[in-house]
């Protein structure tokens, strides 16, 4: 299974930017065939070119929000208190099976809180555990840590759930279609979402505890994480950069806002609130501006390739909404399913789309405008539809190595080393989320 999957990935899986560019060309051609969404005196090719160009800048706010989610989570995971906590956790297991199960559980908990935090935590903890536990296969340990990512889109930093709960967001297609947002009570905090998460929190650790590779490859020498650089200058500017007072100012104001919003009863989780919580927590735990800036800069390397894709997905969104393509695809999706089977169809189709669009935000920009009208025609909840797409995203990431790259870079491994194990997690994800949505229907 590993050999087949890796050969396919190496031969057919280019950088996601190439997929975004190719998908742009395909969408443009299909939009030409579908015709305009409404009568226009302008010729259709010119109309589509104009819609694509203006679409490039439609989701810049959302792109920045997603970058901040990753950066804030990355910086928090590298804070010294978090590093010490991970070292303490890594000292707990004594047997390889216990270590593998623990890696899954900790990674799941961290990914449920924040997907950026989860990715970095998984990589750091896998290396710490690999150093301490004799007889533990290191590729198995890294795969176990990455497998916790299978719940990220069901958690607090789920891109789709966050934008669906954020009023006025350019990506809140639920609000545009219904006039109301979808709070976490209708997405994250639901039985159909939490039940498969609970199942996976039990089944995936047991799976990895039972796996026995034929040849054990223990950790020899993994790359060291970047450490805060010592400030050599003794200038007034350097002393100011190291002074904790400049951390306490934003943290204090942020804490005051959270207390005030909670007292007023207006504290609602949306994308900005989640970013702020992780930003202030990271600042507080790092303690000094220089330390936090260094951690932030380390995370920026992972953000660059992601940000490059978002303008193209915004352009695709412009093509979809300015042509009759959305209507035709929505009618086709509605014709292929019923009220009962539509959530499962949305989930399965999301798994396919995720192979080509690994970013949840870009994925939602493409699939959301198509699935929501179909859901409305079949009288399916838009919140359920959004979460079905999110579940497909997190499941397919087990066989789409894009999000594994930061972990693999820190661990010093390749996708080939973990792909076979992640295929098993993919199967459990299909079972858990698919069964939940089928029973919901």
Protein backbone atom coordinates (compact mmCIF):
# COMPACT_ATOMS: atom_id res chain seq x y z
CA UNK A 1 0.00 0.00 0.00
CA UNK A 2 2.83 2.37 0.86
CA UNK A 3 4.68 1.74 -2.41
CA UNK A 4 1.55 2.27 -4.51
CA UNK A 5 0.59 5.46 -2.71
CA UNK A 6 4.07 6.97 -2.80
CA UNK A 7 4.58 6.15 -6.49
CA UNK A 8 1.29 7.88 -7.28
CA UNK A 9 2.17 10.93 -5.19
CA UNK A 10 5.65 11.29 -6.69
CA UNK A 11 4.40 10.88 -10.25
CA UNK A 12 1.13 12.84 -10.20
CA UNK A 13 1.09 15.18 -7.20
CA UNK A 14 2.73 18.52 -8.05
CA UNK A 15 2.83 21.53 -5.77
CA UNK A 16 -0.72 22.67 -4.84
CA UNK A 17 -0.09 25.98 -6.63
CA UNK A 18 0.08 24.03 -9.92
CA UNK A 19 -3.29 22.47 -9.12
CA UNK A 20 -4.74 25.91 -8.35
CA UNK A 21 -3.52 27.25 -11.70
CA UNK A 22 -4.81 24.19 -13.56
CA UNK A 23 -8.14 24.38 -11.76
CA UNK A 24 -8.38 28.05 -12.77
CA UNK A 25 -8.03 27.10 -16.45
CA UNK A 26 -10.59 24.30 -16.11
CA UNK A 27 -13.09 26.53 -14.31
CA UNK A 28 -12.68 29.26 -16.95
CA UNK A 29 -13.41 26.77 -19.74
CA UNK A 30 -16.45 25.34 -17.95
CA UNK A 31 -17.74 28.85 -17.19
CA UNK A 32 -17.55 29.67 -20.91
CA UNK A 33 -19.67 26.61 -21.66
CA UNK A 34 -22.17 27.35 -18.87
CA UNK A 35 -22.76 30.98 -19.88
CA UNK A 36 -23.25 34.07 -17.69
CA UNK A 37 -25.18 33.99 -14.42
CA UNK A 38 -27.35 36.90 -15.63
CA UNK A 39 -27.75 38.78 -18.93
CA UNK A 40 -24.91 41.18 -19.60
CA UNK A 41 -24.09 43.51 -22.50
CA UNK A 42 -20.44 42.54 -22.18
CA UNK A 43 -19.07 39.55 -24.06
CA UNK A 44 -18.74 36.44 -21.91
CA UNK A 45 -14.92 36.05 -22.14
CA UNK A 46 -14.40 39.68 -21.11
CA UNK A 47 -16.95 39.30 -18.33
CA UNK A 48 -15.15 36.23 -16.98
CA UNK A 49 -11.70 37.82 -17.19
CA UNK A 50 -12.99 40.82 -15.23
CA UNK A 51 -14.69 38.55 -12.66
CA UNK A 52 -11.50 36.51 -12.24
CA UNK A 53 -9.30 39.57 -11.71
CA UNK A 54 -11.57 41.14 -9.12
CA UNK A 55 -11.99 37.75 -7.47
CA UNK A 56 -8.24 37.61 -6.80
CA UNK A 57 -8.74 40.15 -4.03
CA UNK A 58 -12.10 39.02 -2.63
CA UNK A 59 -10.73 36.72 0.03
CA UNK A 60 -7.60 38.57 1.11
CA UNK A 61 -9.06 39.16 4.57
CA UNK A 62 -9.79 35.45 4.92
CA UNK A 63 -6.30 34.56 3.63
CA UNK A 64 -4.72 36.78 6.27
CA UNK A 65 -6.93 35.25 8.96
CA UNK A 66 -5.88 31.72 8.00
CA UNK A 67 -2.22 32.77 7.98
CA UNK A 68 -2.64 34.20 11.48
CA UNK A 69 -4.30 30.99 12.70
CA UNK A 70 -1.24 29.00 11.59
CA UNK A 71 1.32 31.54 12.81
CA UNK A 72 -0.29 32.03 16.22
CA UNK A 73 -0.57 28.27 16.74
CA UNK A 74 3.01 27.71 15.58
CA UNK A 75 4.38 30.40 17.90
CA UNK A 76 2.41 29.03 20.87
CA UNK A 77 3.72 25.49 20.29
CA UNK A 78 7.32 26.70 20.38
CA UNK A 79 6.95 28.65 23.66
CA UNK A 80 9.36 27.44 26.38
CA UNK A 81 6.58 26.32 28.80
CA UNK A 82 4.95 24.30 26.02
CA UNK A 83 8.32 22.75 25.12
CA UNK A 84 8.82 21.75 28.77
CA UNK A 85 5.33 20.27 28.89
CA UNK A 86 6.04 18.23 25.75
CA UNK A 87 9.27 16.95 27.27
CA UNK A 88 7.38 15.87 30.39
CA UNK A 89 4.77 14.09 28.27
CA UNK A 90 7.49 12.41 26.19
CA UNK A 91 8.95 10.92 29.39
CA UNK A 92 5.69 9.10 30.25
CA UNK A 93 5.61 6.10 27.85
CA UNK A 94 8.11 3.29 28.32
CA UNK A 95 6.94 0.87 25.62
CA UNK A 96 6.68 1.55 21.84
CA UNK A 97 2.97 0.70 21.73
CA UNK A 98 2.19 3.14 24.55
CA UNK A 99 4.32 5.82 22.89
CA UNK A 100 2.49 5.51 19.57
CA UNK A 101 -0.92 5.72 21.22
CA UNK A 102 0.13 8.74 23.30
CA UNK A 103 1.42 10.57 20.22
CA UNK A 104 -1.96 10.20 18.52
CA UNK A 105 -3.91 11.42 21.54
CA UNK A 106 -1.75 14.48 22.23
CA UNK A 107 -1.68 15.43 18.56
CA UNK A 108 -5.46 15.09 18.33
CA UNK A 109 -6.01 17.30 21.36
CA UNK A 110 -3.61 19.95 20.03
CA UNK A 111 -5.06 19.84 16.50
CA UNK A 112 -8.60 20.14 17.86
CA UNK A 113 -7.54 23.35 19.61
CA UNK A 114 -5.61 24.85 16.67
CA UNK A 115 -4.35 23.14 13.54
CA UNK A 116 -1.11 25.14 13.44
CA UNK A 117 -0.49 24.35 17.10
CA UNK A 118 -1.25 20.70 16.40
CA UNK A 119 1.17 20.37 13.49
CA UNK A 120 4.13 21.83 15.39
CA UNK A 121 3.27 20.01 18.62
CA UNK A 122 3.06 16.72 16.72
CA UNK A 123 6.49 17.17 15.16
CA UNK A 124 8.23 18.25 18.37
CA UNK A 125 6.64 15.53 20.48
CA UNK A 126 7.40 12.79 17.92
CA UNK A 127 11.08 13.71 18.02
CA UNK A 128 11.15 13.83 21.84
CA UNK A 129 9.42 10.47 22.15
CA UNK A 130 11.66 8.96 19.46
CA UNK A 131 14.71 9.94 21.48
CA UNK A 132 13.46 8.44 24.72
CA UNK A 133 11.63 5.20 23.83
CA UNK A 134 13.85 2.35 22.72
CA UNK A 135 12.44 0.03 20.08
CA UNK A 136 10.01 2.65 18.74
CA UNK A 137 9.93 2.85 14.94
CA UNK A 138 10.43 6.56 14.22
CA UNK A 139 8.41 6.69 10.96
CA UNK A 140 5.56 5.01 12.87
CA UNK A 141 5.89 7.66 15.60
CA UNK A 142 5.75 10.52 13.08
CA UNK A 143 2.78 8.95 11.31
CA UNK A 144 1.01 8.58 14.66
CA UNK A 145 1.66 12.23 15.44
CA UNK A 146 0.39 13.38 12.02
CA UNK A 147 -2.67 11.12 12.29
CA UNK A 148 -3.95 13.32 15.10
CA UNK A 149 -4.52 15.94 12.39
CA UNK A 150 -7.53 13.87 11.24
CA UNK A 151 -9.74 15.91 13.63
CA UNK A 152 -8.45 19.44 12.92
CA UNK A 153 -11.44 20.58 10.82
CA UNK A 154 -13.81 19.38 13.54
CA UNK A 155 -12.15 21.63 16.12
CA UNK A 156 -11.96 25.25 17.20
CA UNK A 157 -9.74 26.42 14.33
CA UNK A 158 -11.73 24.74 11.56
CA UNK A 159 -11.56 27.21 8.66
CA UNK A 160 -15.01 26.32 7.40
CA UNK A 161 -16.70 26.40 10.80
CA UNK A 162 -14.96 29.65 11.75
CA UNK A 163 -15.95 31.59 8.64
CA UNK A 164 -19.48 30.20 8.88
CA UNK A 165 -19.70 31.71 12.38
CA UNK A 166 -18.11 35.06 11.40
CA UNK A 167 -20.60 37.76 10.35
CA UNK A 168 -19.66 39.64 7.21
CA UNK A 169 -16.89 37.27 6.12
CA UNK A 170 -16.42 37.08 2.34
CA UNK A 171 -16.30 33.30 2.74
CA UNK A 172 -19.44 32.98 4.85
CA UNK A 173 -21.56 31.49 2.10
CA UNK A 174 -24.13 30.34 4.65
CA UNK A 175 -24.81 33.93 5.70
CA UNK A 176 -25.04 35.04 2.07
CA UNK A 177 -27.54 32.30 1.28
CA UNK A 178 -29.67 32.40 4.46
CA UNK A 179 -29.02 35.79 6.06
CA UNK A 180 -27.69 34.21 9.26
CA UNK A 181 -24.43 32.74 10.50
CA UNK A 182 -23.90 29.17 11.69
CA UNK A 183 -22.60 29.26 15.29
CA UNK A 184 -20.44 26.53 16.77
CA UNK A 185 -23.57 25.08 18.39
CA UNK A 186 -24.66 24.00 14.88
CA UNK A 187 -21.26 22.87 13.63
CA UNK A 188 -18.49 22.01 16.11
CA UNK A 189 -20.60 21.32 19.21
CA UNK A 190 -22.93 18.78 17.62
CA UNK A 191 -23.32 15.05 18.14
CA UNK A 192 -22.71 14.26 14.47
CA UNK A 193 -19.32 16.01 14.71
CA UNK A 194 -18.18 15.06 18.22
CA UNK A 195 -19.23 11.40 18.00
CA UNK A 196 -16.81 10.49 15.17
CA UNK A 197 -14.09 12.55 16.85
CA UNK A 198 -14.57 10.52 20.04
CA UNK A 199 -14.53 7.27 18.04
CA UNK A 200 -11.28 8.26 16.31
CA UNK A 201 -9.75 9.29 19.65
CA UNK A 202 -10.27 5.68 20.73
CA UNK A 203 -9.70 3.76 17.49
CA UNK A 204 -6.64 5.50 16.03
CA UNK A 205 -4.48 5.18 19.20
CA UNK A 206 -5.43 1.49 19.45
CA UNK A 207 -4.55 1.04 15.77
CA UNK A 208 -1.09 2.55 16.17
CA UNK A 209 -0.46 0.68 19.41
CA UNK A 210 -1.11 -2.56 17.51
CA UNK A 211 1.02 -1.81 14.44
CA UNK A 212 4.32 -3.70 14.29
CA UNK A 213 6.66 -2.75 11.44
CA UNK A 214 8.77 -5.57 10.09
CA UNK A 215 11.93 -3.48 10.41
CA UNK A 216 12.27 -0.96 13.25
CA UNK A 217 14.03 2.29 12.39
CA UNK A 218 14.82 4.11 15.59
CA UNK A 219 15.55 7.81 15.67
CA UNK A 220 19.25 8.38 15.09
CA UNK A 221 19.69 12.11 14.78
CA UNK A 222 16.78 14.39 14.01
CA UNK A 223 17.28 18.06 13.18
CA UNK A 224 17.21 20.28 16.22
CA UNK A 225 14.38 22.82 16.47
CA UNK A 226 15.35 26.43 16.11
CA UNK A 227 16.19 27.95 19.46
CA UNK A 228 15.75 31.58 20.46
CA UNK A 229 18.81 33.54 19.45
CA UNK A 230 20.69 35.30 22.21
CA UNK A 231 20.61 39.07 21.87
CA UNK A 232 24.24 40.13 21.84
CA UNK A 233 23.61 43.87 21.70
CA UNK A 234 23.46 45.90 24.88
CA UNK A 235 21.96 48.95 23.18
CA UNK A 236 18.83 50.66 24.55
CA UNK A 237 16.88 49.37 21.55
CA UNK A 238 17.96 45.77 22.22
CA UNK A 239 17.01 46.09 25.89
CA UNK A 240 13.58 47.40 24.92
CA UNK A 241 13.10 44.46 22.55
CA UNK A 242 13.76 42.05 25.44
CA UNK A 243 11.63 43.86 28.02
CA UNK A 244 8.49 41.92 29.05
CA UNK A 245 6.47 45.12 29.50
CA UNK A 246 5.93 45.30 25.75
CA UNK A 247 4.33 41.86 25.88
CA UNK A 248 2.12 42.71 28.85
CA UNK A 249 0.56 45.72 27.08
CA UNK A 250 -1.24 43.78 24.28
CA UNK A 251 -1.84 40.78 26.56
CA UNK A 252 -3.41 42.99 29.23
CA UNK A 253 -5.65 44.80 26.76
CA UNK A 254 -6.63 41.50 25.17
CA UNK A 255 -7.47 39.93 28.52
CA UNK A 256 -9.55 42.99 29.42
CA UNK A 257 -11.52 42.64 26.20
CA UNK A 258 -12.21 38.94 26.78
CA UNK A 259 -13.40 39.61 30.35
CA UNK A 260 -15.57 42.48 29.19
CA UNK A 261 -17.11 40.49 26.33
CA UNK A 262 -17.78 37.53 28.64
CA UNK A 263 -19.45 39.82 31.20
CA UNK A 264 -21.67 41.33 28.52
CA UNK A 265 -22.57 37.93 27.12
CA UNK A 266 -21.21 38.88 23.69
CA UNK A 267 -18.23 36.51 23.62
CA UNK A 268 -18.82 34.27 20.61
CA UNK A 269 -16.16 32.06 19.00
CA UNK A 270 -15.37 33.24 15.50
CA UNK A 271 -12.16 33.39 13.50
CA UNK A 272 -10.96 36.66 15.05
CA UNK A 273 -11.61 35.53 18.62
CA UNK A 274 -9.73 32.26 18.07
CA UNK A 275 -6.75 34.09 16.53
CA UNK A 276 -6.68 36.57 19.40
CA UNK A 277 -6.78 33.84 22.06
CA UNK A 278 -3.77 32.02 20.60
CA UNK A 279 -1.92 35.25 19.87
CA UNK A 280 -2.19 36.54 23.44
CA UNK A 281 -1.44 33.11 24.95
CA UNK A 282 1.70 32.80 22.82
CA UNK A 283 2.89 36.29 23.74
CA UNK A 284 2.37 35.58 27.42
CA UNK A 285 4.18 32.24 27.37
CA UNK A 286 7.16 33.55 25.39
CA UNK A 287 7.39 36.50 27.76
CA UNK A 288 9.62 38.73 25.64
CA UNK A 289 9.04 40.43 22.27
CA UNK A 290 12.24 39.07 20.71
CA UNK A 291 11.40 35.45 21.57
CA UNK A 292 7.93 35.74 20.14
CA UNK A 293 9.13 37.44 16.97
CA UNK A 294 11.68 34.68 16.37
CA UNK A 295 9.01 32.00 16.81
CA UNK A 296 6.67 33.94 14.51
CA UNK A 297 9.36 34.21 11.84
CA UNK A 298 10.01 30.46 12.01
CA UNK A 299 6.33 29.82 11.30
CA UNK A 300 6.28 32.27 8.39
CA UNK A 301 8.22 29.82 6.22
CA UNK A 302 5.28 27.41 6.31
CA UNK A 303 2.73 30.15 5.56
CA UNK A 304 4.26 31.41 2.30
CA UNK A 305 3.22 28.53 -0.01
CA UNK A 306 -0.30 28.60 1.46
CA UNK A 307 -0.81 32.33 0.94
CA UNK A 308 0.28 32.04 -2.69
CA UNK A 309 -2.72 29.82 -3.44
CA UNK A 310 -5.46 32.02 -1.98
CA UNK A 311 -5.58 34.71 -4.72
CA UNK A 312 -6.09 31.99 -7.34
CA UNK A 313 -8.89 30.43 -5.32
CA UNK A 314 -10.44 33.89 -5.00
CA UNK A 315 -10.27 34.18 -8.79
CA UNK A 316 -11.96 30.79 -9.15
CA UNK A 317 -14.68 31.98 -6.79
CA UNK A 318 -15.19 35.01 -9.04
CA UNK A 319 -15.54 32.75 -12.09
CA UNK A 320 -18.03 30.50 -10.30
CA UNK A 321 -20.30 33.30 -9.10
CA UNK A 322 -20.30 35.28 -12.37
CA UNK A 323 -21.27 32.33 -14.55
CA UNK A 324 -24.13 29.83 -14.58
CA UNK A 325 -21.65 27.08 -13.63
CA UNK A 326 -22.57 27.10 -9.94
CA UNK A 327 -26.24 26.58 -10.73
CA UNK A 328 -25.59 23.71 -13.09
CA UNK A 329 -23.19 21.93 -10.76
CA UNK A 330 -25.58 22.43 -7.84
CA UNK A 331 -28.46 20.95 -9.82
CA UNK A 332 -26.27 17.98 -10.72
CA UNK A 333 -25.32 17.43 -7.06
CA UNK A 334 -28.97 17.63 -6.01
CA UNK A 335 -29.98 15.19 -8.75
CA UNK A 336 -27.40 12.65 -7.60
CA UNK A 337 -28.71 12.45 -4.03
CA UNK A 338 -31.69 12.78 -1.72
CA UNK A 339 -32.29 14.59 1.54
CA UNK A 340 -30.92 11.56 3.38
CA UNK A 341 -27.87 10.85 1.24
CA UNK A 342 -26.74 14.41 0.50
CA UNK A 343 -24.52 14.87 3.62
CA UNK A 344 -22.65 11.68 2.75
CA UNK A 345 -22.31 12.80 -0.90
CA UNK A 346 -20.90 16.16 0.25
CA UNK A 347 -18.39 14.32 2.46
CA UNK A 348 -17.24 11.89 -0.24
CA UNK A 349 -16.95 14.59 -2.90
CA UNK A 350 -14.99 16.71 -0.43
CA UNK A 351 -12.45 13.90 -0.08
CA UNK A 352 -11.88 14.01 -3.84
CA UNK A 353 -11.63 17.82 -4.02
CA UNK A 354 -9.15 17.83 -1.12
CA UNK A 355 -6.69 15.75 -3.11
CA UNK A 356 -6.34 18.72 -5.47
CA UNK A 357 -7.08 21.63 -3.10
CA UNK A 358 -5.42 20.78 0.24
CA UNK A 359 -6.21 24.15 1.83
CA UNK A 360 -9.54 24.05 3.67
CA UNK A 361 -10.18 27.72 2.92
CA UNK A 362 -9.49 27.37 -0.80
CA UNK A 363 -11.48 24.17 -0.80
CA UNK A 364 -14.51 25.91 0.74
CA UNK A 365 -14.21 28.77 -1.78
CA UNK A 366 -14.72 26.22 -4.56
CA UNK A 367 -17.10 23.65 -3.08
CA UNK A 368 -19.18 25.85 -0.78
CA UNK A 369 -20.99 27.86 -3.49
CA UNK A 370 -21.85 24.61 -5.29
CA UNK A 371 -22.98 22.44 -2.37
CA UNK A 372 -25.04 25.00 -0.43
CA UNK A 373 -27.61 25.67 -3.21
CA UNK A 374 -27.93 21.91 -3.71
CA UNK A 375 -28.45 21.49 0.04
CA UNK A 376 -31.15 24.16 0.01
CA UNK A 377 -32.94 22.39 -2.87
CA UNK A 378 -32.93 19.16 -0.84
CA UNK A 379 -33.81 20.91 2.46
CA UNK A 380 -30.52 19.91 4.08
CA UNK A 381 -29.08 22.11 6.84
CA UNK A 382 -26.34 24.43 5.51
CA UNK A 383 -24.39 23.89 8.74
CA UNK A 384 -24.43 20.11 8.18
CA UNK A 385 -23.31 20.65 4.59
CA UNK A 386 -20.42 22.85 5.72
CA UNK A 387 -19.27 20.30 8.28
CA UNK A 388 -19.57 17.45 5.77
CA UNK A 389 -17.15 19.33 3.52
CA UNK A 390 -14.86 20.01 6.49
CA UNK A 391 -14.89 16.33 7.48
CA UNK A 392 -13.89 15.34 3.96
CA UNK A 393 -11.01 17.81 4.11
CA UNK A 394 -9.54 16.42 7.34
CA UNK A 395 -9.96 12.81 6.21
CA UNK A 396 -8.34 13.28 2.80
CA UNK A 397 -5.35 15.04 4.39
CA UNK A 398 -4.23 11.63 5.59
CA UNK A 399 -3.39 10.71 1.97
CA UNK A 400 -2.60 14.25 0.72
CA UNK A 401 0.91 14.95 2.02
CA UNK A 402 0.72 18.75 1.79
CA UNK A 403 0.09 19.35 5.50
CA UNK A 404 2.52 16.62 6.52
CA UNK A 405 5.42 18.56 5.01
CA UNK A 406 6.12 20.75 8.10
CA UNK A 407 6.20 17.66 10.33
CA UNK A 408 8.35 15.71 7.90
CA UNK A 409 10.80 18.62 7.62
CA UNK A 410 11.25 18.77 11.40
CA UNK A 411 11.49 14.97 11.67
CA UNK A 412 13.87 14.58 8.74
CA UNK A 413 11.66 12.03 6.92
CA UNK A 414 9.90 11.81 3.55
CA UNK A 415 6.26 11.14 2.69
CA UNK A 416 7.21 7.59 1.76
CA UNK A 417 8.13 6.84 5.37
CA UNK A 418 4.65 7.54 6.80
CA UNK A 419 2.22 7.10 3.89
CA UNK A 420 1.32 3.47 4.57
CA UNK A 421 0.42 4.18 8.20
CA UNK A 422 -1.61 7.26 7.23
CA UNK A 423 -3.63 5.19 4.76
CA UNK A 424 -4.91 3.18 7.73
CA UNK A 425 -5.94 6.41 9.49
CA UNK A 426 -7.64 7.53 6.27
CA UNK A 427 -9.72 4.34 6.31
CA UNK A 428 -10.82 4.90 9.89
CA UNK A 429 -11.67 8.52 9.08
CA UNK A 430 -13.83 7.47 6.14
CA UNK A 431 -15.62 4.98 8.39
CA UNK A 432 -16.19 7.34 11.32
CA UNK A 433 -17.25 10.52 9.54
CA UNK A 434 -19.07 8.71 6.73
CA UNK A 435 -21.10 6.62 9.19
CA UNK A 436 -21.98 9.69 11.26
CA UNK A 437 -23.27 11.61 8.24
CA UNK A 438 -25.11 8.55 6.88
CA UNK A 439 -26.86 8.04 10.23
CA UNK A 440 -27.64 11.76 10.40
CA UNK A 441 -29.35 11.55 7.02
